[in-house]
N, C-alpha and C. Protein backbone atom coordinates (compact mmCIF):
# COMPACT_ATOMS: atom_id res chain seq x y z
N MET A 1 108.34 66.38 87.05
CA MET A 1 107.73 67.48 87.77
C MET A 1 107.46 68.62 86.79
N PRO A 2 106.30 69.17 86.82
CA PRO A 2 105.94 70.22 85.87
C PRO A 2 106.73 71.52 86.05
N ASP A 3 107.21 71.81 87.25
CA ASP A 3 107.92 73.07 87.47
C ASP A 3 109.43 72.94 87.30
N GLY A 4 109.92 71.79 86.85
CA GLY A 4 111.35 71.60 86.63
C GLY A 4 112.15 71.38 87.89
N VAL A 5 111.47 71.12 89.00
CA VAL A 5 112.14 70.92 90.28
C VAL A 5 111.86 69.50 90.78
N GLN A 6 112.92 68.81 91.15
CA GLN A 6 112.78 67.50 91.77
C GLN A 6 112.95 67.71 93.27
N ARG A 7 111.87 67.54 94.02
CA ARG A 7 111.91 67.72 95.47
C ARG A 7 112.44 66.45 96.12
N VAL A 8 113.40 66.64 97.02
CA VAL A 8 114.09 65.50 97.63
C VAL A 8 113.78 65.45 99.11
N TRP A 9 113.47 64.26 99.59
CA TRP A 9 113.33 64.01 101.02
C TRP A 9 114.46 63.08 101.42
N VAL A 10 115.13 63.39 102.51
CA VAL A 10 116.21 62.56 103.02
C VAL A 10 115.80 62.03 104.39
N PHE A 11 115.90 60.73 104.55
CA PHE A 11 115.59 60.07 105.81
C PHE A 11 116.90 59.53 106.39
N VAL A 12 117.18 59.84 107.64
CA VAL A 12 118.43 59.43 108.27
C VAL A 12 118.12 58.55 109.47
N ASP A 13 118.75 57.39 109.52
CA ASP A 13 118.71 56.53 110.70
C ASP A 13 119.77 57.09 111.64
N GLY A 14 119.35 57.92 112.57
CA GLY A 14 120.27 58.69 113.40
C GLY A 14 121.26 57.86 114.19
N GLN A 15 120.81 56.80 114.83
CA GLN A 15 121.71 56.01 115.67
C GLN A 15 122.76 55.28 114.85
N ASN A 16 122.36 54.64 113.76
CA ASN A 16 123.33 53.94 112.93
C ASN A 16 124.29 54.91 112.25
N HIS A 17 123.79 56.05 111.83
CA HIS A 17 124.66 57.05 111.22
C HIS A 17 125.72 57.50 112.21
N TYR A 18 125.32 57.79 113.44
CA TYR A 18 126.25 58.23 114.47
C TYR A 18 127.30 57.15 114.76
N LYS A 19 126.83 55.91 114.96
CA LYS A 19 127.77 54.82 115.26
C LYS A 19 128.75 54.59 114.12
N ASP A 20 128.26 54.59 112.88
CA ASP A 20 129.13 54.36 111.73
C ASP A 20 130.12 55.50 111.53
N THR A 21 129.69 56.74 111.79
CA THR A 21 130.59 57.88 111.67
C THR A 21 131.69 57.79 112.71
N ARG A 22 131.33 57.44 113.94
CA ARG A 22 132.35 57.28 114.98
C ARG A 22 133.33 56.17 114.63
N ARG A 23 132.80 55.06 114.15
CA ARG A 23 133.65 53.92 113.80
C ARG A 23 134.61 54.28 112.66
N ALA A 24 134.14 55.05 111.69
CA ALA A 24 134.95 55.37 110.51
C ALA A 24 135.98 56.47 110.77
N PHE A 25 135.64 57.45 111.62
CA PHE A 25 136.49 58.63 111.71
C PHE A 25 137.05 58.95 113.09
N PHE A 26 136.60 58.27 114.13
CA PHE A 26 137.01 58.62 115.49
C PHE A 26 137.37 57.39 116.29
N SER A 27 138.09 57.60 117.40
CA SER A 27 138.40 56.50 118.31
C SER A 27 137.40 56.51 119.47
N ASP A 28 137.33 55.39 120.17
CA ASP A 28 136.41 55.28 121.30
C ASP A 28 136.77 56.23 122.44
N SER A 29 138.02 56.67 122.47
CA SER A 29 138.46 57.55 123.56
C SER A 29 138.03 59.01 123.34
N GLU A 30 137.53 59.35 122.18
CA GLU A 30 137.12 60.73 121.91
C GLU A 30 135.74 60.99 122.52
N PRO A 31 135.44 62.26 122.81
CA PRO A 31 134.16 62.58 123.46
C PRO A 31 132.96 62.16 122.61
N SER A 32 131.82 61.99 123.26
CA SER A 32 130.63 61.49 122.58
C SER A 32 130.14 62.43 121.47
N GLN A 33 130.54 63.70 121.52
CA GLN A 33 130.13 64.63 120.47
C GLN A 33 130.80 64.31 119.14
N ALA A 34 131.94 63.64 119.19
CA ALA A 34 132.64 63.26 117.96
C ALA A 34 131.77 62.25 117.21
N GLY A 35 131.41 62.59 116.02
CA GLY A 35 130.55 61.72 115.22
C GLY A 35 129.18 62.31 114.99
N GLN A 36 128.86 63.37 115.71
CA GLN A 36 127.58 64.03 115.49
C GLN A 36 127.72 64.98 114.30
N VAL A 37 126.70 65.03 113.47
CA VAL A 37 126.72 65.89 112.30
C VAL A 37 125.43 66.70 112.24
N ASP A 38 125.45 67.74 111.44
CA ASP A 38 124.25 68.54 111.20
C ASP A 38 123.45 67.81 110.12
N PRO A 39 122.30 67.24 110.45
CA PRO A 39 121.57 66.44 109.48
C PRO A 39 121.08 67.24 108.27
N VAL A 40 120.78 68.52 108.45
CA VAL A 40 120.33 69.33 107.31
C VAL A 40 121.49 69.58 106.35
N LYS A 41 122.69 69.80 106.88
CA LYS A 41 123.86 69.95 106.00
C LYS A 41 124.13 68.66 105.24
N LEU A 42 124.01 67.51 105.91
CA LEU A 42 124.18 66.23 105.24
C LEU A 42 123.14 66.05 104.14
N ALA A 43 121.90 66.33 104.45
CA ALA A 43 120.82 66.18 103.46
C ALA A 43 121.02 67.12 102.28
N THR A 44 121.48 68.33 102.55
CA THR A 44 121.74 69.29 101.48
C THR A 44 122.86 68.79 100.57
N LEU A 45 123.92 68.27 101.17
CA LEU A 45 125.03 67.72 100.39
C LEU A 45 124.56 66.57 99.51
N LEU A 46 123.78 65.65 100.07
CA LEU A 46 123.27 64.53 99.29
C LEU A 46 122.37 65.01 98.15
N THR A 47 121.57 66.00 98.43
CA THR A 47 120.68 66.55 97.41
C THR A 47 121.48 67.18 96.28
N GLU A 48 122.47 67.97 96.63
CA GLU A 48 123.27 68.67 95.62
C GLU A 48 124.11 67.72 94.79
N ARG A 49 124.58 66.64 95.39
CA ARG A 49 125.46 65.72 94.65
C ARG A 49 124.70 64.64 93.89
N GLY A 50 123.43 64.50 94.16
CA GLY A 50 122.63 63.50 93.45
C GLY A 50 122.36 63.95 92.02
N ALA A 51 122.17 62.99 91.15
CA ALA A 51 121.91 63.30 89.74
C ALA A 51 120.43 63.59 89.53
N ALA A 52 120.16 64.73 88.97
CA ALA A 52 118.78 65.10 88.63
C ALA A 52 118.51 64.72 87.18
N PRO A 53 117.27 64.39 86.86
CA PRO A 53 116.93 64.13 85.46
C PRO A 53 117.24 65.36 84.60
N THR A 54 117.49 65.13 83.33
CA THR A 54 117.80 66.22 82.41
C THR A 54 116.76 67.33 82.49
N GLY A 55 117.24 68.56 82.60
CA GLY A 55 116.35 69.70 82.65
C GLY A 55 115.71 69.97 84.00
N MET A 56 116.09 69.20 85.00
CA MET A 56 115.51 69.35 86.34
C MET A 56 116.59 69.83 87.31
N ARG A 57 116.18 70.47 88.35
CA ARG A 57 117.09 70.79 89.44
C ARG A 57 116.53 70.17 90.72
N ARG A 58 117.42 69.77 91.60
CA ARG A 58 117.02 69.11 92.84
C ARG A 58 116.99 70.13 93.97
N VAL A 59 115.96 70.04 94.81
CA VAL A 59 115.79 70.93 95.96
C VAL A 59 115.43 70.08 97.17
N LEU A 60 116.15 70.29 98.27
CA LEU A 60 115.83 69.58 99.51
C LEU A 60 114.49 70.10 100.03
N ASP A 61 113.56 69.19 100.19
CA ASP A 61 112.21 69.55 100.66
C ASP A 61 111.99 69.13 102.11
N GLU A 62 112.55 67.99 102.50
CA GLU A 62 112.39 67.46 103.86
C GLU A 62 113.67 66.75 104.28
N CYS A 63 113.99 66.85 105.56
CA CYS A 63 115.06 66.07 106.17
C CYS A 63 114.50 65.51 107.47
N ARG A 64 114.43 64.20 107.55
CA ARG A 64 113.87 63.56 108.74
C ARG A 64 114.89 62.63 109.37
N ILE A 65 115.01 62.73 110.69
CA ILE A 65 115.95 61.92 111.43
C ILE A 65 115.17 61.02 112.37
N TYR A 66 115.47 59.74 112.30
CA TYR A 66 114.77 58.77 113.13
C TYR A 66 115.76 58.18 114.13
N THR A 67 115.39 58.24 115.42
CA THR A 67 116.20 57.65 116.48
C THR A 67 115.27 57.00 117.50
N GLY A 68 115.82 56.09 118.23
CA GLY A 68 115.06 55.46 119.30
C GLY A 68 115.26 56.24 120.59
N ILE A 69 114.48 55.88 121.58
CA ILE A 69 114.62 56.48 122.91
C ILE A 69 114.92 55.35 123.88
N PRO A 70 116.07 55.42 124.59
CA PRO A 70 116.41 54.36 125.54
C PRO A 70 115.34 54.23 126.62
N SER A 71 115.21 53.03 127.13
CA SER A 71 114.23 52.74 128.18
C SER A 71 114.52 53.55 129.44
N ALA A 72 113.49 54.19 129.98
CA ALA A 72 113.65 54.96 131.22
C ALA A 72 113.95 54.03 132.40
N ASP A 73 113.47 52.79 132.34
CA ASP A 73 113.70 51.83 133.42
C ASP A 73 115.11 51.25 133.38
N ARG A 74 115.57 50.88 132.19
CA ARG A 74 116.86 50.21 132.05
C ARG A 74 118.03 51.16 131.86
N GLU A 75 117.80 52.31 131.24
CA GLU A 75 118.88 53.27 130.96
C GLU A 75 118.41 54.70 131.28
N PRO A 76 118.18 54.99 132.57
CA PRO A 76 117.61 56.29 132.92
C PRO A 76 118.47 57.48 132.50
N ARG A 77 119.79 57.37 132.61
CA ARG A 77 120.65 58.50 132.21
C ARG A 77 120.59 58.73 130.71
N SER A 78 120.65 57.65 129.93
CA SER A 78 120.58 57.78 128.47
C SER A 78 119.21 58.29 128.04
N ASN A 79 118.17 57.82 128.72
CA ASN A 79 116.82 58.27 128.41
C ASN A 79 116.69 59.78 128.67
N ALA A 80 117.18 60.24 129.82
CA ALA A 80 117.09 61.66 130.16
C ALA A 80 117.87 62.51 129.16
N ALA A 81 119.06 62.03 128.77
CA ALA A 81 119.87 62.77 127.79
C ALA A 81 119.15 62.86 126.46
N ARG A 82 118.55 61.77 126.03
CA ARG A 82 117.84 61.76 124.74
C ARG A 82 116.63 62.70 124.77
N LEU A 83 115.91 62.69 125.89
CA LEU A 83 114.75 63.58 125.99
C LEU A 83 115.17 65.06 126.00
N ARG A 84 116.35 65.35 126.58
CA ARG A 84 116.85 66.74 126.54
C ARG A 84 117.17 67.15 125.11
N GLN A 85 117.63 66.22 124.29
CA GLN A 85 117.94 66.54 122.90
C GLN A 85 116.69 66.94 122.12
N ASN A 86 115.52 66.43 122.54
CA ASN A 86 114.28 66.76 121.87
C ASN A 86 113.84 68.19 122.13
N GLY A 87 114.35 68.80 123.17
CA GLY A 87 113.93 70.16 123.51
C GLY A 87 112.68 70.14 124.37
N PRO A 88 112.15 71.31 124.67
CA PRO A 88 110.99 71.39 125.56
C PRO A 88 109.76 70.73 124.94
N ALA A 89 108.98 70.09 125.78
CA ALA A 89 107.74 69.44 125.31
C ALA A 89 106.73 70.51 124.97
N GLY A 90 105.84 70.15 124.05
CA GLY A 90 104.78 71.09 123.76
C GLY A 90 104.75 71.43 122.36
């Protein structure tokens, strides 16, 4: 990079990350919020701890989280909860 900055994009598979975090650090009896993390804080940590080429500094440029949406027909409660997480439409 000509400006001495390595721009980093972090892509997170939201559902697998959540499930793996719960499996590693929490029990099934804990509330569903256990295992949720701030994706920007995670991406920042990964960016800061990653090795930059000599003479370069790393800067988080993008953090993208990918998750599925449960079927409204088969899992209406899960679908409604997921849509609420997205915030207002528009």
